[in-house]
Amino acid sequence: MFIARISRGRTIREFVGGVLLVPALFTFLWMTVFGNTAIALDLSGIAPLAETVTTNMPVALFETLAELPFSAISSGVATLLIITFFVTSADSGALVIDMITNGGAQDPPVWQRIFWAVCAGLVAAVLLVSGGLQALQTAAIASALPFAVIMVFICYGLLRALQTESEGSSIDLSIAAEAPPATGAGLNWQQRLSSITHFYEKHDIADFLADTVRPALEAIVEQIREGSLSPHIEEKEDRLDFTIAHGEYGKFCYTVRARRFRTPSFAFAEARANHGEEARHFRAIAHTSEGDQPHDVTGFSRDQLINDLLNRYARFRHARRLA
């Protein structure tokens, strides 16, 4: 999560390549230079580094540097690198824990971040005092094991998300292309723009469902009931379901519901000014029983909603005729 956050703007290929290749190449370089140097020093009898590694591994690096020129400077730089590594690791770990415990907040409180960093340090200190480095390593491995199982499910979820993205956005937040042009009682382009850029509260979408969506669905029901079909509307919490049964061919269902979204990052400044840190906004999302992609109908006029429903109902009937 931390690496992904600081890699914003990169493609998945760039992200994976950077995470996998850069550390691996640096490790190869480090092991080639210092590892081979230590082996040469041990084989030549200059320093018993193999014995040092067996008895006290952390000291082996400094004994290697002690046999090289400018040992005081290189040992100081090595110490600085080690401190930097631990500090940045603890800081990023505390940030991730803080974000998770705050419900995924992008900018959690700093004091909570300090709290988690201190807790992690205290746990490590207790383990070091009670059982040494071996106890700390054992605890790290034991606590990480359950997450290895969770990671398998996360990998599957990522795969499914990428597959869905390759087929098209899982939720189309744009006004449907089939919607008729704004004429008469429809929306003009200024209203369309306002609908796209505005961040709606829950009560706004509730009013939209009651004042626009329901009358549109009722108009269709009234018209269809003049034939042999019997459509009906069912109202549930934050949603409206329009259903037409077609006997053995199944039923067609068109659903419009209020859905909550986290305010997008590109609108962070505006949302923060209007709604605070944990900004949420609502949109009216429609989908059908045919498994098509959910799409945003927020701001549709009555005629646009009717047109959107009829387009999708026509596809339903066409598919049944082909069958």
Protein backbone atom coordinates (compact mmCIF):
# COMPACT_ATOMS: atom_id res chain seq x y z
CA MET A 1 0.00 0.00 0.00
CA PHE A 2 2.81 2.40 0.87
CA ILE A 3 4.77 1.68 -2.33
CA ALA A 4 1.60 1.97 -4.40
CA ARG A 5 0.81 5.32 -2.81
CA ILE A 6 4.21 6.83 -3.60
CA SER A 7 3.99 5.35 -7.13
CA ARG A 8 0.83 7.22 -8.10
CA GLY A 9 0.77 7.96 -11.80
CA ARG A 10 2.79 4.88 -12.77
CA THR A 11 1.40 2.06 -14.86
CA ILE A 12 1.08 -1.43 -13.40
CA ARG A 13 3.99 -2.56 -15.59
CA GLU A 14 6.20 0.26 -14.31
CA PHE A 15 5.13 -0.42 -10.72
CA VAL A 16 5.83 -4.17 -10.86
CA GLY A 17 9.07 -3.65 -12.74
CA GLY A 18 10.29 -1.10 -10.23
CA VAL A 19 9.30 -3.14 -7.18
CA LEU A 20 10.76 -6.40 -8.46
CA LEU A 21 13.77 -5.36 -10.51
CA VAL A 22 15.30 -2.39 -8.69
CA PRO A 23 15.65 -4.05 -5.24
CA ALA A 24 16.79 -7.34 -6.83
CA LEU A 25 19.45 -5.63 -8.95
CA PHE A 26 20.68 -3.60 -5.99
CA THR A 27 20.85 -6.77 -3.88
CA PHE A 28 22.90 -8.52 -6.59
CA LEU A 29 25.24 -5.54 -6.72
CA TRP A 30 25.62 -5.44 -2.93
CA MET A 31 26.25 -9.17 -2.61
CA THR A 32 28.70 -9.15 -5.50
CA VAL A 33 30.79 -6.32 -4.08
CA PHE A 34 30.66 -6.91 -0.32
CA GLY A 35 29.91 -10.64 -0.32
CA ASN A 36 32.78 -11.52 -2.61
CA THR A 37 35.05 -9.13 -0.70
CA ALA A 38 34.21 -10.84 2.58
CA ILE A 39 34.81 -14.30 1.06
CA ALA A 40 38.17 -13.16 -0.27
CA LEU A 41 39.16 -11.72 3.11
CA ASP A 42 38.17 -14.94 4.88
CA LEU A 43 39.90 -17.29 2.40
CA SER A 44 43.10 -15.24 2.53
CA GLY A 45 43.14 -15.37 6.33
CA ILE A 46 43.01 -11.60 6.76
CA ALA A 47 39.82 -11.72 8.84
CA PRO A 48 37.84 -14.72 10.24
CA LEU A 49 34.55 -13.47 8.77
CA ALA A 50 32.95 -16.91 8.43
CA GLU A 51 33.28 -17.43 12.18
CA THR A 52 31.91 -13.93 12.83
CA VAL A 53 28.87 -14.59 10.65
CA THR A 54 28.16 -17.76 12.65
CA THR A 55 28.49 -16.14 16.06
CA ASN A 56 27.41 -12.52 15.51
CA MET A 57 26.09 -11.79 12.03
CA PRO A 58 25.35 -8.03 12.43
CA VAL A 59 29.01 -7.37 13.27
CA ALA A 60 30.29 -9.13 10.12
CA LEU A 61 29.57 -6.11 7.91
CA PHE A 62 31.61 -3.77 10.09
CA GLU A 63 34.51 -6.24 10.36
CA THR A 64 34.55 -6.41 6.57
CA LEU A 65 34.58 -2.63 6.28
CA ALA A 66 37.33 -2.44 8.91
CA GLU A 67 39.70 -4.24 6.53
CA LEU A 68 39.04 -1.76 3.71
CA PRO A 69 40.36 1.79 3.20
CA PHE A 70 38.46 4.64 4.87
CA SER A 71 36.84 2.20 7.28
CA ALA A 72 35.63 4.92 9.65
CA ILE A 73 33.77 6.74 6.86
CA SER A 74 32.33 3.58 5.31
CA SER A 75 31.21 2.27 8.72
CA GLY A 76 29.49 5.58 9.42
CA VAL A 77 27.72 5.50 6.06
CA ALA A 78 26.67 1.87 6.68
CA THR A 79 25.26 2.81 10.08
CA LEU A 80 23.34 5.70 8.49
CA LEU A 81 21.92 3.36 5.84
CA ILE A 82 20.77 0.87 8.47
CA ILE A 83 19.11 3.60 10.55
CA THR A 84 17.42 5.03 7.45
CA PHE A 85 16.16 1.58 6.48
CA PHE A 86 14.60 0.92 9.88
CA VAL A 87 13.12 4.40 10.20
CA THR A 88 11.51 4.39 6.75
CA SER A 89 10.24 0.83 7.25
CA ALA A 90 8.68 1.70 10.60
CA ASP A 91 7.23 4.92 9.21
CA SER A 92 5.65 3.25 6.17
CA GLY A 93 4.35 0.37 8.31
CA ALA A 94 2.79 2.78 10.79
CA LEU A 95 1.22 4.75 7.91
CA VAL A 96 -0.36 1.62 6.41
CA ILE A 97 -1.71 0.44 9.78
CA ASP A 98 -3.06 3.92 10.47
CA MET A 99 -4.81 4.07 7.09
CA ILE A 100 -6.39 0.63 7.57
CA THR A 101 -7.61 1.37 11.09
CA ASN A 102 -9.11 4.65 9.84
CA GLY A 103 -11.23 2.94 7.20
CA GLY A 104 -8.86 3.57 4.31
CA ALA A 105 -8.44 7.30 4.96
CA GLN A 106 -5.78 8.82 2.71
CA ASP A 107 -4.52 11.28 5.32
CA PRO A 108 -5.04 9.83 8.82
CA PRO A 109 -4.16 11.86 11.93
CA VAL A 110 -0.44 12.18 12.62
CA TRP A 111 -0.82 11.37 16.32
CA GLN A 112 -2.34 7.99 15.46
CA ARG A 113 0.56 7.30 13.13
CA ILE A 114 2.99 8.07 15.95
CA PHE A 115 0.98 5.79 18.26
CA TRP A 116 1.30 2.80 15.91
CA ALA A 117 5.00 3.46 15.33
CA VAL A 118 5.63 3.55 19.09
CA CYS A 119 3.60 0.34 19.58
CA ALA A 120 5.62 -1.46 16.90
CA GLY A 121 8.85 -0.28 18.48
CA LEU A 122 7.75 -1.40 21.95
CA VAL A 123 6.76 -4.86 20.69
CA ALA A 124 10.12 -5.27 18.94
CA ALA A 125 11.99 -4.07 22.05
CA VAL A 126 10.15 -6.52 24.32
CA LEU A 127 10.88 -9.42 21.95
CA LEU A 128 14.55 -8.45 21.71
CA VAL A 129 14.91 -8.20 25.48
CA SER A 130 13.06 -11.43 26.20
CA GLY A 131 14.45 -13.69 23.48
CA GLY A 132 16.93 -11.78 21.36
CA LEU A 133 16.97 -11.49 17.59
CA GLN A 134 15.77 -15.08 17.16
CA ALA A 135 12.56 -14.37 19.08
CA LEU A 136 11.90 -11.26 16.98
CA GLN A 137 12.43 -13.17 13.75
CA THR A 138 10.19 -16.03 14.91
CA ALA A 139 7.41 -13.62 15.90
CA ALA A 140 7.63 -11.85 12.54
CA ILE A 141 7.36 -15.11 10.60
CA ALA A 142 4.53 -16.48 12.80
CA SER A 143 2.48 -13.29 12.51
CA ALA A 144 3.05 -13.08 8.76
CA LEU A 145 1.88 -16.63 8.05
CA PRO A 146 -1.89 -15.91 8.23
CA PHE A 147 -1.45 -12.98 5.88
CA ALA A 148 0.14 -15.30 3.33
CA VAL A 149 -3.24 -17.02 3.02
CA ILE A 150 -5.01 -13.66 2.73
CA MET A 151 -2.54 -12.64 0.04
CA VAL A 152 -3.72 -15.54 -2.13
CA PHE A 153 -7.26 -14.14 -2.09
CA ILE A 154 -5.92 -10.62 -2.70
CA CYS A 155 -4.04 -11.87 -5.78
CA TYR A 156 -7.22 -13.49 -7.09
CA GLY A 157 -9.17 -10.30 -6.45
CA LEU A 158 -6.56 -8.26 -8.31
CA LEU A 159 -6.71 -10.68 -11.24
CA ARG A 160 -10.50 -10.42 -11.42
CA ALA A 161 -10.32 -6.63 -11.19
CA LEU A 162 -7.86 -6.46 -14.08
CA GLN A 163 -10.00 -8.82 -16.15
CA THR A 164 -13.05 -6.66 -15.48
CA GLU A 165 -11.11 -3.52 -16.37
CA SER A 166 -9.97 -5.07 -19.66
CA GLU A 167 -13.61 -5.63 -20.61
CA GLY A 168 -14.61 -2.11 -19.64
CA SER A 169 -15.11 -0.09 -16.50
CA SER A 170 -16.93 -1.99 -13.78
CA ILE A 171 -19.10 1.07 -13.24
CA ASP A 172 -19.73 3.55 -16.02
CA LEU A 173 -20.00 6.89 -14.26
CA SER A 174 -20.73 8.76 -17.46
CA ILE A 175 -24.10 9.74 -18.85
CA ALA A 176 -25.25 6.90 -21.12
CA ALA A 177 -24.48 7.38 -24.80
CA GLU A 178 -27.98 6.28 -25.73
CA ALA A 179 -29.56 9.16 -23.81
CA PRO A 180 -31.44 11.48 -26.21
CA PRO A 181 -30.16 15.00 -26.82
CA ALA A 182 -31.46 17.62 -24.44
CA THR A 183 -34.56 19.13 -26.00
CA GLY A 184 -37.68 20.58 -24.49
CA ALA A 185 -37.90 19.31 -20.94
CA GLY A 186 -34.47 17.67 -21.16
CA LEU A 187 -31.20 19.00 -19.76
CA ASN A 188 -29.21 21.69 -21.50
CA TRP A 189 -25.43 21.38 -21.66
CA GLN A 190 -24.89 23.61 -18.62
CA GLN A 191 -27.13 21.35 -16.54
CA ARG A 192 -25.35 18.28 -17.90
CA LEU A 193 -21.99 19.73 -16.87
CA SER A 194 -23.30 20.60 -13.42
CA SER A 195 -24.65 17.07 -12.99
CA ILE A 196 -21.29 15.54 -13.93
CA THR A 197 -19.13 17.74 -11.70
CA HIS A 198 -21.44 18.11 -8.70
CA PHE A 199 -20.96 15.94 -5.61
CA TYR A 200 -24.41 14.93 -4.41
CA GLU A 201 -25.49 14.25 -0.86
CA LYS A 202 -27.64 11.24 0.00
CA HIS A 203 -30.81 13.31 0.26
CA ASP A 204 -30.18 14.73 -3.24
CA ILE A 205 -30.20 11.25 -4.75
CA ALA A 206 -33.23 10.28 -2.64
CA ASP A 207 -35.09 13.28 -4.08
CA PHE A 208 -33.95 12.32 -7.59
CA LEU A 209 -35.31 8.77 -7.13
CA ALA A 210 -38.63 10.09 -5.87
CA ASP A 211 -39.14 13.06 -8.20
CA THR A 212 -37.64 11.80 -11.48
CA VAL A 213 -36.96 8.07 -11.50
CA ARG A 214 -40.25 6.89 -10.04
CA PRO A 215 -42.47 9.04 -12.34
CA ALA A 216 -40.47 7.77 -15.34
CA LEU A 217 -40.95 4.14 -14.30
CA GLU A 218 -44.65 4.70 -13.57
CA ALA A 219 -45.16 6.19 -17.03
CA ILE A 220 -43.67 3.06 -18.61
CA VAL A 221 -45.75 0.78 -16.40
CA GLU A 222 -48.93 2.61 -17.36
CA GLN A 223 -48.13 2.32 -21.05
CA ILE A 224 -47.11 -1.37 -20.98
CA ARG A 225 -50.15 -2.43 -18.95
CA GLU A 226 -52.32 -1.55 -21.95
CA GLY A 227 -50.91 -4.74 -23.51
CA SER A 228 -50.68 -8.26 -22.11
CA LEU A 229 -47.64 -7.73 -19.86
CA SER A 230 -47.81 -6.90 -16.17
CA PRO A 231 -44.84 -4.81 -15.07
CA HIS A 232 -44.51 -3.62 -11.52
CA ILE A 233 -42.35 -1.28 -9.46
CA GLU A 234 -40.88 -2.24 -6.11
CA GLU A 235 -39.40 0.36 -3.83
CA LYS A 236 -36.73 -0.66 -1.34
CA GLU A 237 -34.27 1.28 0.76
CA ASP A 238 -32.35 3.62 -1.52
CA ARG A 239 -33.47 1.80 -4.69
CA LEU A 240 -36.28 1.29 -7.21
CA ASP A 241 -36.81 -1.98 -9.12
CA PHE A 242 -38.77 -2.12 -12.38
CA THR A 243 -39.65 -5.70 -13.38
CA ILE A 244 -41.45 -7.31 -16.33
CA ALA A 245 -42.02 -11.08 -16.28
CA HIS A 246 -41.84 -12.97 -19.60
CA GLY A 247 -42.83 -16.47 -18.49
CA GLU A 248 -40.33 -19.16 -19.41
CA TYR A 249 -38.04 -16.55 -20.96
CA GLY A 250 -37.31 -15.05 -17.57
CA LYS A 251 -37.88 -11.52 -16.44
CA PHE A 252 -36.37 -8.16 -17.20
CA CYS A 253 -35.37 -6.02 -14.24
CA TYR A 254 -34.13 -2.42 -14.33
CA THR A 255 -32.81 -1.13 -11.01
CA VAL A 256 -31.80 2.38 -9.99
CA ARG A 257 -30.21 2.78 -6.58
CA ALA A 258 -28.26 5.33 -4.59
CA ARG A 259 -24.65 4.33 -4.18
CA ARG A 260 -22.00 5.94 -2.02
CA PHE A 261 -18.52 6.66 -3.38
CA ARG A 262 -15.32 8.03 -1.93
CA THR A 263 -14.57 11.42 -3.42
CA PRO A 264 -11.97 10.96 -6.22
CA SER A 265 -8.45 12.18 -5.65
CA PHE A 266 -8.58 14.66 -8.53
CA ALA A 267 -11.38 16.48 -6.70
CA PHE A 268 -9.76 16.20 -3.27
CA ALA A 269 -9.27 19.92 -2.67
CA GLU A 270 -12.82 20.86 -3.66
CA ALA A 271 -14.37 17.96 -1.73
CA ARG A 272 -12.32 18.69 1.37
CA ALA A 273 -13.43 22.29 1.36
CA ASN A 274 -17.08 21.32 1.01
CA HIS A 275 -17.39 18.06 2.90
CA GLY A 276 -14.39 17.64 5.20
CA GLU A 277 -11.64 15.02 5.43
CA GLU A 278 -13.77 11.91 4.93
CA ALA A 279 -15.68 13.15 1.89
CA ARG A 280 -18.30 10.86 0.38
CA HIS A 281 -20.70 11.54 -2.42
CA PHE A 282 -23.69 9.69 -3.86
CA ARG A 283 -24.75 8.85 -7.40
CA ALA A 284 -27.79 7.15 -8.90
CA ILE A 285 -26.53 3.91 -10.46
CA ALA A 286 -28.67 1.85 -12.83
CA HIS A 287 -28.23 -1.74 -13.99
CA THR A 288 -30.35 -4.49 -15.47
CA SER A 289 -30.83 -8.21 -14.96
CA GLU A 290 -28.90 -8.86 -18.18
CA GLY A 291 -25.53 -8.46 -16.49
CA ASP A 292 -24.57 -5.25 -18.28
CA GLN A 293 -22.21 -2.79 -16.65
CA PRO A 294 -23.77 -0.52 -13.99
CA HIS A 295 -23.99 3.03 -15.28
CA ASP A 296 -24.56 6.44 -13.79
CA VAL A 297 -27.95 8.07 -14.47
CA THR A 298 -27.59 10.94 -12.01
CA GLY A 299 -29.12 14.08 -13.50
CA PHE A 300 -31.11 12.28 -16.19
CA SER A 301 -34.38 13.87 -17.17
CA ARG A 302 -37.59 11.83 -17.17
CA ASP A 303 -37.39 11.25 -20.93
CA GLN A 304 -33.72 10.26 -20.77
CA LEU A 305 -34.44 7.67 -18.09
CA ILE A 306 -37.31 6.24 -20.14
CA ASN A 307 -35.09 6.11 -23.22
CA ASP A 308 -32.28 4.38 -21.28
CA LEU A 309 -34.66 1.75 -19.89
CA LEU A 310 -36.30 1.09 -23.26
CA ASN A 311 -32.94 0.67 -25.01
CA ARG A 312 -31.95 -2.01 -22.54
CA TYR A 313 -35.39 -3.62 -22.62
CA ALA A 314 -35.14 -3.78 -26.42
CA ARG A 315 -31.84 -5.68 -26.10
CA PHE A 316 -33.49 -8.09 -23.67
CA ARG A 317 -36.33 -8.83 -26.10
CA HIS A 318 -33.97 -9.07 -29.09
CA ALA A 319 -31.82 -11.64 -27.27
CA ARG A 320 -34.93 -13.70 -26.50
CA ARG A 321 -36.09 -13.55 -30.11
CA LEU A 322 -32.70 -14.80 -31.30
CA ALA A 323 -32.90 -17.63 -28.76
